[in-house]
Amino acid sequence: MARSVVPYLDKAWSRLYKGRGQSEIPDVINLADVNSSWPEFRAGVRASLKSGQVGPDYVEIIDAPKNPFAVRPIARLTVHDRLVYDTLVFAIASLIESELRESVFSARWGDDGEEFWSPVNSWVSMQKRGVEIISDDPFQLARTDIVSFYEHIDVSTLAIDIQAVGASEAITERLVRYLRMFQQSSHAWGIPQGPDASGILANIYLLPVDEFVHRAGFAYLRYSDDMMIFDTDRESLRNALLEINSILRSRRLSMSGAKTKIYDHRESVTQLEDLEKDAINYGIRVGESNAGERLYKLFTEAVEGPQRDRDVKFALFRMGRLKDDRALPWVLRNLKENHHLASQLLQYLECFPERRSATGRAFISTMQLIIDHKYDHLEQRILQAATRQSVHSPTIRDMAWAILQDKNKSNLPREFAARYLGRNSTVADGQLLRRQYEDEQNVNVRRALLVAMYEAKSVSRGLLRSLASSESQLSWVSQYLLKEPYIPLPR
């Protein structure tokens, strides 16, 4: 069995390592330690797959902001456990792909059976297809999605689905065992949120909905649990929604009442059409002189009144590439209020290294505002950005120490606090990092502290050699540090 899934293991590692910059849970050293010892690490994953001893013993749940008030529970798996999961799912991805219709745009396994479609391109393609549909006839649009979709996927039902598509007994047994252990080892339910592999399993779970809509003859589009149904008759759309709700209930899922609506033709166009964004993209591509002004106008309109987050992200990404700094004052003032957009705002700031002083002041003022409040995601992203941009500040260093020593915080900001301290340390800091390492229990924070001690020139080779030859999870990073590498900045 292990030999048959090896190509999928290599694909899983390639995706995880190369996609590290896009991860919702970034790694403090971009998985450089695993990459440095990949042949040996790979052998360990293969052994687990062969033996059938799969499944996480422990899963950390990271609360990733969806908006200023709500979060998504992202599963943080060890690299070993993540690769086991991805490999098992990738091994059956082509079987699931063969069951999907053209109306499904999420987590599609490419035509060569070896790669995903780009998520962003897939979403845009679905929107454009929706515009084409409503342009042909005076269609109305029914739109719905599912409450906490991944968390409510029933593993027993999913196991039957996996068998039904033709997965081997060995893969089915291992995958179901893995998912049951995931549920037992974390405060989440269903399947892990975050990994690409879960999107593939989500598609098979919604096959009954796809089949019903197809047989009923509706025009239909789906991206994960975001469903759009088109018809000229409002009552037909209402009946379809009721039937979909019944199908979902049989699968232990619930339709979102707040997001289930039927739009008339005019409203349908506004739900789908982004003609102005298309025009801006085209203008930038061909070098139109007014494209930058149209982009800035889109940004200013997006932040006035009820904020349109998608337009903010669209505009900031392109303004950064164009070196248009007119959004800087807004971004510098609004890091806290837009903590759910922290990645996009901080990436924009990074496009202007000449404004590092202003950026550093904004980091300090924002971190002072959120002291004693639950903004772990924002703290982590600011420390990551400050490390990347070489923002050296005694004030940030003091706040990083407070974050590192606060064991009531989630681990991710503490790890990035350690990395910042390692790169901005005094001699005394190096000594204190060693003491912090000795008192720390969490293996991920200990790993980050070893890296910090190395960068602060305060780690002994004896300690690294001892850990490198042990069965500890810290053996990989210790082997890596013994090679005296230049450690990559977190992406």
Protein backbone atom coordinates (compact mmCIF):
# COMPACT_ATOMS: atom_id res chain seq x y z
CA MET A 1 0.00 0.00 0.00
CA ALA A 2 2.79 2.45 0.93
CA ARG A 3 4.42 2.10 -2.50
CA SER A 4 1.17 2.89 -4.31
CA VAL A 5 0.73 6.21 -2.49
CA VAL A 6 4.34 7.42 -2.72
CA PRO A 7 3.67 9.73 -5.71
CA TYR A 8 0.86 11.34 -3.73
CA LEU A 9 3.13 11.78 -0.71
CA ASP A 10 5.64 13.63 -2.87
CA LYS A 11 2.83 15.75 -4.32
CA ALA A 12 1.56 16.50 -0.81
CA TRP A 13 5.00 17.63 0.34
CA SER A 14 5.58 19.73 -2.77
CA ARG A 15 2.27 21.55 -2.26
CA LEU A 16 2.84 22.07 1.45
CA TYR A 17 6.41 23.33 1.08
CA LYS A 18 5.94 25.50 -2.00
CA GLY A 19 2.65 26.90 -0.74
CA ARG A 20 4.02 27.80 2.67
CA GLY A 21 3.65 31.54 2.02
CA GLN A 22 -0.10 31.24 1.49
CA SER A 23 -0.78 29.16 4.57
CA GLU A 24 -3.32 30.41 7.10
CA ILE A 25 -0.93 28.94 9.67
CA PRO A 26 2.54 30.08 8.57
CA ASP A 27 5.63 28.28 9.77
CA VAL A 28 8.17 30.25 11.73
CA ILE A 29 11.05 29.01 9.49
CA ASN A 30 9.09 27.98 6.37
CA LEU A 31 9.56 24.26 7.12
CA ALA A 32 13.27 24.60 6.33
CA ASP A 33 14.14 21.92 8.90
CA VAL A 34 11.87 19.32 7.29
CA ASN A 35 13.11 20.24 3.83
CA SER A 36 16.70 19.82 4.97
CA SER A 37 16.03 16.22 6.05
CA TRP A 38 13.26 15.35 3.61
CA PRO A 39 14.44 11.83 2.61
CA GLU A 40 14.52 10.73 6.24
CA PHE A 41 11.29 12.53 7.12
CA ARG A 42 9.59 11.01 4.08
CA ALA A 43 10.59 7.53 5.21
CA GLY A 44 8.81 8.09 8.52
CA VAL A 45 5.60 9.17 6.81
CA ARG A 46 5.77 6.15 4.48
CA ALA A 47 6.18 3.85 7.46
CA SER A 48 3.04 5.26 9.08
CA LEU A 49 1.05 4.85 5.87
CA LYS A 50 2.25 1.28 5.47
CA SER A 51 1.53 0.24 9.05
CA GLY A 52 -1.87 1.91 9.19
CA GLN A 53 -0.93 3.68 12.42
CA VAL A 54 -2.27 7.02 11.26
CA GLY A 55 -4.11 9.85 12.94
CA PRO A 56 -3.11 12.86 15.03
CA ASP A 57 -2.48 12.43 18.74
CA TYR A 58 -2.92 16.16 19.25
CA VAL A 59 -4.43 18.95 17.15
CA GLU A 60 -4.20 22.63 17.97
CA ILE A 61 -7.18 24.68 16.80
CA ILE A 62 -6.31 28.17 15.59
CA ASP A 63 -9.08 30.78 15.51
CA ALA A 64 -8.63 32.55 12.17
CA PRO A 65 -10.77 35.69 11.83
CA LYS A 66 -13.50 35.64 9.16
CA ASN A 67 -14.57 39.21 9.91
CA PRO A 68 -14.10 41.58 12.87
CA PHE A 69 -16.16 39.35 15.18
CA ALA A 70 -16.32 35.75 13.87
CA VAL A 71 -13.60 33.12 13.48
CA ARG A 72 -12.95 29.91 11.59
CA PRO A 73 -11.43 26.99 13.54
CA ILE A 74 -8.34 26.07 11.50
CA ALA A 75 -6.74 22.73 12.38
CA ARG A 76 -3.02 22.95 13.00
CA LEU A 77 -1.60 19.51 12.31
CA THR A 78 2.00 18.43 12.68
CA VAL A 79 3.83 18.22 9.35
CA HIS A 80 3.84 14.42 9.64
CA ASP A 81 0.10 14.24 10.29
CA ARG A 82 -0.69 16.78 7.58
CA LEU A 83 1.28 14.78 5.00
CA VAL A 84 -0.43 11.53 5.99
CA TYR A 85 -3.84 13.16 5.59
CA ASP A 86 -3.09 14.87 2.29
CA THR A 87 -1.51 11.72 0.85
CA LEU A 88 -4.51 9.53 1.65
CA VAL A 89 -6.97 12.02 0.17
CA PHE A 90 -4.85 12.79 -2.91
CA ALA A 91 -4.72 9.04 -3.58
CA ILE A 92 -8.50 9.03 -4.15
CA ALA A 93 -8.80 12.54 -5.61
CA SER A 94 -9.09 11.35 -9.21
CA LEU A 95 -11.92 8.98 -8.22
CA ILE A 96 -13.83 11.88 -6.65
CA GLU A 97 -12.99 14.18 -9.56
CA SER A 98 -14.62 11.79 -12.01
CA GLU A 99 -17.93 12.14 -10.12
CA LEU A 100 -18.02 15.95 -10.19
CA ARG A 101 -19.92 18.00 -12.73
CA GLU A 102 -18.77 21.18 -14.45
CA SER A 103 -20.95 23.18 -12.06
CA VAL A 104 -18.50 22.53 -9.19
CA PHE A 105 -15.58 24.97 -9.01
CA SER A 106 -13.89 24.24 -5.67
CA ALA A 107 -11.03 21.80 -4.92
CA ARG A 108 -10.92 20.44 -8.45
CA TRP A 109 -8.14 18.02 -9.28
CA GLY A 110 -6.56 19.20 -12.55
CA ASP A 111 -6.98 17.59 -15.96
CA ASP A 112 -3.72 15.71 -15.57
CA GLY A 113 -4.92 14.26 -12.29
CA GLU A 114 -1.97 15.75 -10.45
CA GLU A 115 -2.76 19.32 -9.50
CA PHE A 116 -5.45 21.61 -8.12
CA TRP A 117 -7.06 24.40 -10.01
CA SER A 118 -6.07 27.75 -8.54
CA PRO A 119 -8.65 28.65 -5.84
CA VAL A 120 -8.70 32.34 -6.80
CA ASN A 121 -9.02 31.60 -10.51
CA SER A 122 -11.73 29.03 -9.80
CA TRP A 123 -13.78 31.53 -7.78
CA VAL A 124 -13.46 34.17 -10.51
CA SER A 125 -14.37 31.59 -13.16
CA MET A 126 -17.52 30.69 -11.25
CA GLN A 127 -18.53 34.33 -10.98
CA LYS A 128 -17.99 34.86 -14.70
CA ARG A 129 -20.01 31.75 -15.50
CA GLY A 130 -22.83 33.14 -13.35
CA VAL A 131 -22.78 36.37 -15.34
CA GLU A 132 -23.01 34.36 -18.57
CA ILE A 133 -26.03 32.44 -17.24
CA ILE A 134 -28.06 35.48 -16.20
CA SER A 135 -27.16 37.28 -19.43
CA ASP A 136 -28.89 34.60 -21.52
CA ASP A 137 -32.33 34.85 -19.88
CA PRO A 138 -34.04 36.96 -17.20
CA PHE A 139 -32.96 34.49 -14.53
CA GLN A 140 -33.44 34.95 -10.82
CA LEU A 141 -30.83 33.67 -8.40
CA ALA A 142 -31.22 31.54 -5.27
CA ARG A 143 -28.13 31.59 -3.09
CA THR A 144 -27.35 29.60 0.05
CA ASP A 145 -24.58 28.01 2.04
CA ILE A 146 -24.18 25.66 5.00
CA VAL A 147 -23.72 26.47 8.68
CA SER A 148 -20.21 25.46 9.85
CA PHE A 149 -19.94 23.04 6.95
CA TYR A 150 -16.64 21.26 7.64
CA GLU A 151 -17.38 20.96 11.35
CA HIS A 152 -20.66 19.14 10.72
CA ILE A 153 -19.52 16.57 8.16
CA ASP A 154 -20.42 13.18 9.62
CA VAL A 155 -17.46 10.80 9.35
CA SER A 156 -19.62 7.65 9.24
CA THR A 157 -21.59 9.04 6.30
CA LEU A 158 -18.38 10.21 4.64
CA ALA A 159 -16.88 6.73 5.01
CA ILE A 160 -19.73 5.29 2.94
CA ASP A 161 -19.16 7.98 0.30
CA ILE A 162 -15.45 7.16 0.12
CA GLN A 163 -16.17 3.47 -0.40
CA ALA A 164 -18.81 4.29 -3.03
CA VAL A 165 -16.35 6.10 -5.32
CA GLY A 166 -14.12 3.02 -5.42
CA ALA A 167 -11.42 3.77 -2.85
CA SER A 168 -9.46 0.70 -1.82
CA GLU A 169 -10.19 -0.93 1.50
CA ALA A 170 -6.72 -0.01 2.80
CA ILE A 171 -7.05 3.69 2.01
CA THR A 172 -10.64 3.86 3.25
CA GLU A 173 -9.71 2.20 6.54
CA ARG A 174 -6.74 4.51 7.12
CA LEU A 175 -8.56 7.68 6.15
CA VAL A 176 -11.58 6.95 8.33
CA ARG A 177 -9.29 6.01 11.23
CA TYR A 178 -7.45 9.30 10.76
CA LEU A 179 -10.64 11.36 10.81
CA ARG A 180 -11.98 9.60 13.90
CA MET A 181 -8.71 10.27 15.72
CA PHE A 182 -8.88 13.90 14.61
CA GLN A 183 -12.26 14.23 16.29
CA GLN A 184 -11.00 12.58 19.46
CA SER A 185 -7.88 14.73 19.73
CA SER A 186 -9.22 18.25 19.28
CA HIS A 187 -12.00 20.64 20.18
CA ALA A 188 -13.34 20.54 16.62
CA TRP A 189 -15.66 18.18 14.83
CA GLY A 190 -16.10 16.92 11.30
CA ILE A 191 -13.00 17.18 9.12
CA PRO A 192 -9.99 19.51 9.46
CA GLN A 193 -10.41 23.03 8.14
CA GLY A 194 -7.36 24.37 6.36
CA PRO A 195 -5.86 21.51 4.32
CA ASP A 196 -6.64 21.35 0.59
CA ALA A 197 -7.49 17.69 1.08
CA SER A 198 -10.57 18.59 3.09
CA GLY A 199 -11.97 20.48 0.11
CA ILE A 200 -11.83 17.27 -1.91
CA LEU A 201 -13.72 15.34 0.75
CA ALA A 202 -16.23 18.18 1.05
CA ASN A 203 -17.02 17.81 -2.65
CA ILE A 204 -17.90 14.14 -2.32
CA TYR A 205 -20.10 14.91 0.69
CA LEU A 206 -22.24 17.30 -1.38
CA LEU A 207 -22.64 15.00 -4.39
CA PRO A 208 -26.33 14.29 -3.54
CA VAL A 209 -27.08 18.03 -3.72
CA ASP A 210 -25.25 18.38 -7.03
CA GLU A 211 -27.13 15.40 -8.46
CA PHE A 212 -30.54 16.66 -7.35
CA VAL A 213 -30.03 20.09 -8.92
CA HIS A 214 -28.70 18.55 -12.14
CA ARG A 215 -31.67 16.17 -12.46
CA ALA A 216 -34.10 19.02 -11.75
CA GLY A 217 -32.67 20.87 -14.74
CA PHE A 218 -31.57 24.07 -13.01
CA ALA A 219 -28.55 26.10 -13.99
CA TYR A 220 -26.31 25.70 -10.94
CA LEU A 221 -22.89 26.70 -9.62
CA ARG A 222 -21.12 25.63 -6.44
CA TYR A 223 -17.88 26.62 -4.73
CA SER A 224 -17.47 24.49 -1.61
CA ASP A 225 -20.74 25.11 0.27
CA ASP A 226 -21.59 28.37 -1.53
CA MET A 227 -24.41 27.36 -3.90
CA MET A 228 -26.13 29.37 -6.63
CA ILE A 229 -29.24 28.16 -8.49
CA PHE A 230 -30.75 30.00 -11.46
CA ASP A 231 -34.29 29.91 -12.84
CA THR A 232 -36.89 32.30 -14.25
CA ASP A 233 -39.55 31.17 -11.75
CA ARG A 234 -39.29 32.22 -8.10
CA GLU A 235 -41.48 29.38 -6.81
CA SER A 236 -39.29 26.81 -8.57
CA LEU A 237 -36.26 28.25 -6.82
CA ARG A 238 -38.04 28.17 -3.47
CA ASN A 239 -38.99 24.52 -3.99
CA ALA A 240 -35.40 23.71 -4.92
CA LEU A 241 -34.10 25.33 -1.73
CA LEU A 242 -36.55 23.32 0.37
CA GLU A 243 -35.44 20.07 -1.27
CA ILE A 244 -31.77 20.94 -0.84
CA ASN A 245 -32.45 21.67 2.83
CA SER A 246 -34.00 18.22 3.17
CA ILE A 247 -30.98 16.56 1.53
CA LEU A 248 -28.61 18.48 3.77
CA ARG A 249 -30.56 17.51 6.88
CA SER A 250 -30.23 13.83 5.92
CA ARG A 251 -26.46 14.42 5.95
CA ARG A 252 -26.58 16.19 9.34
CA LEU A 253 -26.05 19.61 7.80
CA SER A 254 -28.04 22.83 8.13
CA MET A 255 -28.69 25.52 5.56
CA SER A 256 -27.73 29.04 6.69
CA GLY A 257 -30.94 31.01 7.15
CA ALA A 258 -29.11 34.33 7.11
CA LYS A 259 -27.41 33.57 3.80
CA THR A 260 -30.30 31.88 2.00
CA LYS A 261 -31.99 34.37 -0.33
CA ILE A 262 -33.69 34.63 -3.70
CA TYR A 263 -32.70 37.66 -5.79
CA ASP A 264 -34.63 39.09 -8.71
CA HIS A 265 -32.84 39.54 -12.03
CA ARG A 266 -31.51 43.02 -11.29
CA GLU A 267 -30.23 42.00 -7.85
CA SER A 268 -28.72 38.84 -9.36
CA VAL A 269 -26.57 40.94 -11.65
CA THR A 270 -25.19 42.93 -8.71
CA GLN A 271 -24.45 39.68 -6.84
CA LEU A 272 -22.24 38.45 -9.65
CA GLU A 273 -21.06 41.23 -11.89
CA ASP A 274 -17.72 42.93 -11.27
CA LEU A 275 -17.41 44.89 -14.50
CA GLU A 276 -15.44 47.68 -12.84
CA LYS A 277 -12.85 45.25 -11.45
CA ASP A 278 -12.55 43.57 -14.84
CA ALA A 279 -12.00 46.96 -16.46
CA ILE A 280 -9.37 47.92 -13.87
CA ASN A 281 -7.52 44.63 -14.32
CA TYR A 282 -7.53 45.10 -18.08
CA GLY A 283 -6.37 48.70 -17.75
CA ILE A 284 -3.46 47.72 -15.52
CA ARG A 285 -2.51 44.90 -17.88
CA VAL A 286 -2.37 47.12 -20.99
CA GLY A 287 -0.98 50.17 -19.19
CA GLU A 288 -3.94 52.55 -19.41
CA SER A 289 -3.05 55.92 -17.92
CA ASN A 290 -6.18 56.16 -15.73
CA ALA A 291 -6.17 52.59 -14.41
CA GLY A 292 -4.44 53.63 -11.18
CA GLU A 293 -6.99 56.35 -10.53
CA ARG A 294 -9.88 53.96 -11.08
CA LEU A 295 -8.25 51.50 -8.69
CA TYR A 296 -7.81 54.16 -6.01
CA LYS A 297 -11.42 55.26 -6.48
CA LEU A 298 -12.55 51.65 -5.96
CA PHE A 299 -10.50 51.53 -2.74
CA THR A 300 -11.90 54.80 -1.35
CA GLU A 301 -15.46 53.73 -2.11
CA ALA A 302 -14.82 50.33 -0.48
CA VAL A 303 -13.76 51.87 2.85
CA GLU A 304 -16.50 54.51 3.00
CA GLY A 305 -19.79 53.51 4.57
CA PRO A 306 -20.26 49.75 5.05
CA GLN A 307 -16.81 48.37 4.23
CA ARG A 308 -16.54 45.96 1.29
CA ASP A 309 -13.71 43.64 2.32
CA ARG A 310 -13.34 41.92 -1.06
CA ASP A 311 -12.86 45.26 -2.79
CA VAL A 312 -10.35 46.34 -0.13
CA LYS A 313 -8.29 43.18 -0.72
CA PHE A 314 -8.58 43.54 -4.50
CA ALA A 315 -7.43 47.16 -4.41
CA LEU A 316 -4.60 46.86 -1.88
CA PHE A 317 -2.97 43.93 -3.67
CA ARG A 318 -2.84 45.87 -6.95
CA MET A 319 -1.96 49.22 -5.38
CA GLY A 320 0.99 47.55 -3.70
CA ARG A 321 2.22 46.13 -7.00
CA LEU A 322 1.83 49.56 -8.61
CA LYS A 323 3.70 51.21 -5.69
CA ASP A 324 0.68 53.45 -5.10
CA ASP A 325 1.07 54.60 -1.50
CA ARG A 326 -2.17 56.58 -1.22
CA ALA A 327 -3.77 53.86 0.92
CA LEU A 328 -0.93 53.97 3.47
CA PRO A 329 -2.58 56.42 5.91
CA TRP A 330 -5.76 54.33 6.05
CA VAL A 331 -3.86 51.05 6.47
CA LEU A 332 -1.58 52.43 9.20
CA ARG A 333 -4.61 53.70 11.15
CA ASN A 334 -6.82 50.65 10.74
CA LEU A 335 -4.77 47.56 11.56
CA LYS A 336 -6.78 46.83 14.72
CA GLU A 337 -10.24 47.45 13.22
CA ASN A 338 -9.33 45.31 10.22
CA HIS A 339 -7.46 42.56 12.05
CA HIS A 340 -9.31 39.99 9.92
CA LEU A 341 -7.53 41.50 6.88
CA ALA A 342 -4.14 41.63 8.60
CA SER A 343 -2.36 39.56 5.96
CA GLN A 344 -3.48 41.81 3.11
CA LEU A 345 -2.81 45.06 4.98
CA LEU A 346 0.66 43.99 6.10
CA GLN A 347 1.57 42.72 2.63
CA TYR A 348 0.64 46.15 1.28
CA LEU A 349 2.87 47.87 3.85
CA GLU A 350 5.76 45.63 2.88
CA CYS A 351 5.67 47.11 -0.63
CA PHE A 352 7.02 50.39 0.82
CA PRO A 353 10.28 49.62 2.67
CA GLU A 354 11.17 53.32 2.59
CA ARG A 355 8.27 53.90 5.00
CA ARG A 356 9.64 51.48 7.57
CA SER A 357 9.72 54.08 10.36
CA ALA A 358 6.03 54.87 9.96
CA THR A 359 5.26 51.17 9.70
CA GLY A 360 7.16 50.48 12.92
CA ARG A 361 5.25 53.21 14.76
CA ALA A 362 1.96 51.75 13.53
CA PHE A 363 3.01 48.30 14.73
CA ILE A 364 3.81 49.68 18.18
CA SER A 365 0.61 51.70 18.55
CA THR A 366 -1.53 48.80 17.33
CA MET A 367 0.09 46.29 19.69
CA GLN A 368 -0.37 48.71 22.59
CA LEU A 369 -4.07 49.01 21.73
CA ILE A 370 -4.61 45.25 21.81
CA ILE A 371 -2.70 44.43 24.99
CA ASP A 372 -4.91 42.34 27.29
CA HIS A 373 -7.41 41.67 24.49
CA LYS A 374 -7.82 38.61 22.28
CA TYR A 375 -6.05 39.58 19.07
CA ASP A 376 -3.67 36.62 18.82
CA HIS A 377 -3.91 36.48 15.02
CA LEU A 378 -3.03 40.16 14.63
CA GLU A 379 -0.14 39.91 17.11
CA GLN A 380 1.29 36.96 15.22
CA ARG A 381 0.97 38.72 11.85
CA ILE A 382 2.58 41.93 13.14
CA LEU A 383 5.51 40.03 14.66
CA GLN A 384 5.89 38.08 11.43
CA ALA A 385 5.88 41.33 9.41
CA ALA A 386 8.26 43.09 11.81
CA THR A 387 10.69 40.18 11.50
CA ARG A 388 10.46 40.13 7.72
CA GLN A 389 10.85 43.89 7.36
CA SER A 390 13.67 44.17 9.93
CA VAL A 391 11.71 46.58 12.10
CA HIS A 392 14.07 46.91 15.06
CA SER A 393 12.35 48.37 18.11
CA PRO A 394 13.04 48.03 21.84
CA THR A 395 9.31 48.58 22.43
CA ILE A 396 8.32 45.73 20.12
CA ARG A 397 11.01 43.58 21.74
CA ASP A 398 9.48 44.20 25.18
CA MET A 399 6.01 43.35 23.88
CA ALA A 400 7.38 40.22 22.21
CA TRP A 401 8.76 39.11 25.56
CA ALA A 402 5.35 39.64 27.18
CA ILE A 403 3.68 37.56 24.46
CA LEU A 404 6.27 34.78 24.65
CA GLN A 405 5.93 34.48 28.42
CA ASP A 406 2.12 34.49 28.40
CA LYS A 407 1.23 30.78 28.34
CA ASN A 408 -2.47 31.62 28.22
CA LYS A 409 -2.02 32.79 24.65
CA SER A 410 -2.25 30.46 21.68
CA ASN A 411 1.12 29.12 20.58
CA LEU A 412 1.47 30.74 17.16
CA PRO A 413 2.05 34.36 18.32
CA ARG A 414 4.43 33.04 20.98
CA GLU A 415 6.46 31.26 18.29
CA PHE A 416 6.74 34.41 16.20
CA ALA A 417 7.60 36.42 19.31
CA ALA A 418 10.52 34.05 19.85
CA ARG A 419 11.66 34.46 16.24
CA TYR A 420 11.52 38.25 16.53
CA LEU A 421 13.52 38.14 19.76
CA GLY A 422 16.16 35.88 18.23
CA ARG A 423 16.78 38.39 15.45
CA ASN A 424 16.60 41.46 17.69
CA SER A 425 18.29 40.23 20.83
CA THR A 426 20.70 41.70 23.32
CA VAL A 427 23.26 39.53 25.11
CA ALA A 428 20.88 39.35 28.08
CA ASP A 429 18.02 38.29 25.80
CA GLY A 430 20.06 35.35 24.58
CA GLN A 431 20.58 34.14 28.13
CA LEU A 432 16.89 34.60 28.97
CA LEU A 433 15.85 32.69 25.84
CA ARG A 434 17.77 29.67 27.15
CA ARG A 435 15.90 29.88 30.45
CA GLN A 436 12.58 30.28 28.63
CA TYR A 437 13.37 27.16 26.59
CA GLU A 438 14.00 25.13 29.73
CA ASP A 439 10.64 26.19 31.23
CA GLU A 440 8.58 25.72 28.05
CA GLN A 441 6.34 22.67 27.55
CA ASN A 442 4.87 23.18 24.07
CA VAL A 443 6.98 21.55 21.38
CA ASN A 444 6.23 24.17 18.71
CA VAL A 445 7.27 27.02 20.99
CA ARG A 446 10.38 25.05 22.05
CA ARG A 447 11.26 24.64 18.36
CA ALA A 448 10.91 28.39 17.82
CA LEU A 449 13.01 29.05 20.92
CA LEU A 450 15.81 26.81 19.62
CA VAL A 451 15.80 28.85 16.43
CA ALA A 452 15.80 32.09 18.44
CA MET A 453 18.70 30.87 20.59
CA TYR A 454 20.62 29.93 17.43
CA GLU A 455 20.08 33.37 15.87
CA ALA A 456 21.00 35.03 19.17
CA LYS A 457 24.18 32.91 19.26
CA SER A 458 23.23 31.44 22.61
CA VAL A 459 22.60 27.76 21.85
CA SER A 460 25.19 25.10 22.56
CA ARG A 461 26.12 22.52 19.94
CA GLY A 462 26.00 19.93 22.70
CA LEU A 463 22.29 20.56 23.23
CA LEU A 464 21.65 20.42 19.50
CA ARG A 465 23.62 17.18 19.09
CA SER A 466 21.74 15.61 21.99
CA LEU A 467 18.35 16.56 20.53
CA ALA A 468 19.38 15.63 16.98
CA SER A 469 20.12 12.05 18.02
CA SER A 470 16.95 11.69 20.11
CA GLU A 471 13.42 10.55 19.27
CA SER A 472 12.16 14.01 20.14
CA GLN A 473 10.11 16.05 17.67
CA LEU A 474 12.89 18.61 18.02
CA SER A 475 15.39 16.30 16.32
CA TRP A 476 14.64 17.69 12.85
CA VAL A 477 15.20 21.34 13.74
CA SER A 478 18.31 20.40 15.75
CA GLN A 479 19.81 18.50 12.81
CA TYR A 480 19.09 21.53 10.65
CA LEU A 481 20.67 24.03 13.04
CA LEU A 482 23.81 21.89 13.35
CA LYS A 483 24.43 22.62 9.65
CA GLU A 484 24.79 26.31 10.61
CA PRO A 485 22.30 27.54 7.99
CA TYR A 486 21.06 31.02 7.26
CA ILE A 487 17.46 30.62 8.37
CA PRO A 488 14.87 31.99 5.93
CA LEU A 489 12.59 34.77 7.05
CA PRO A 490 8.98 33.74 7.70
CA ARG A 491 6.85 34.29 4.63
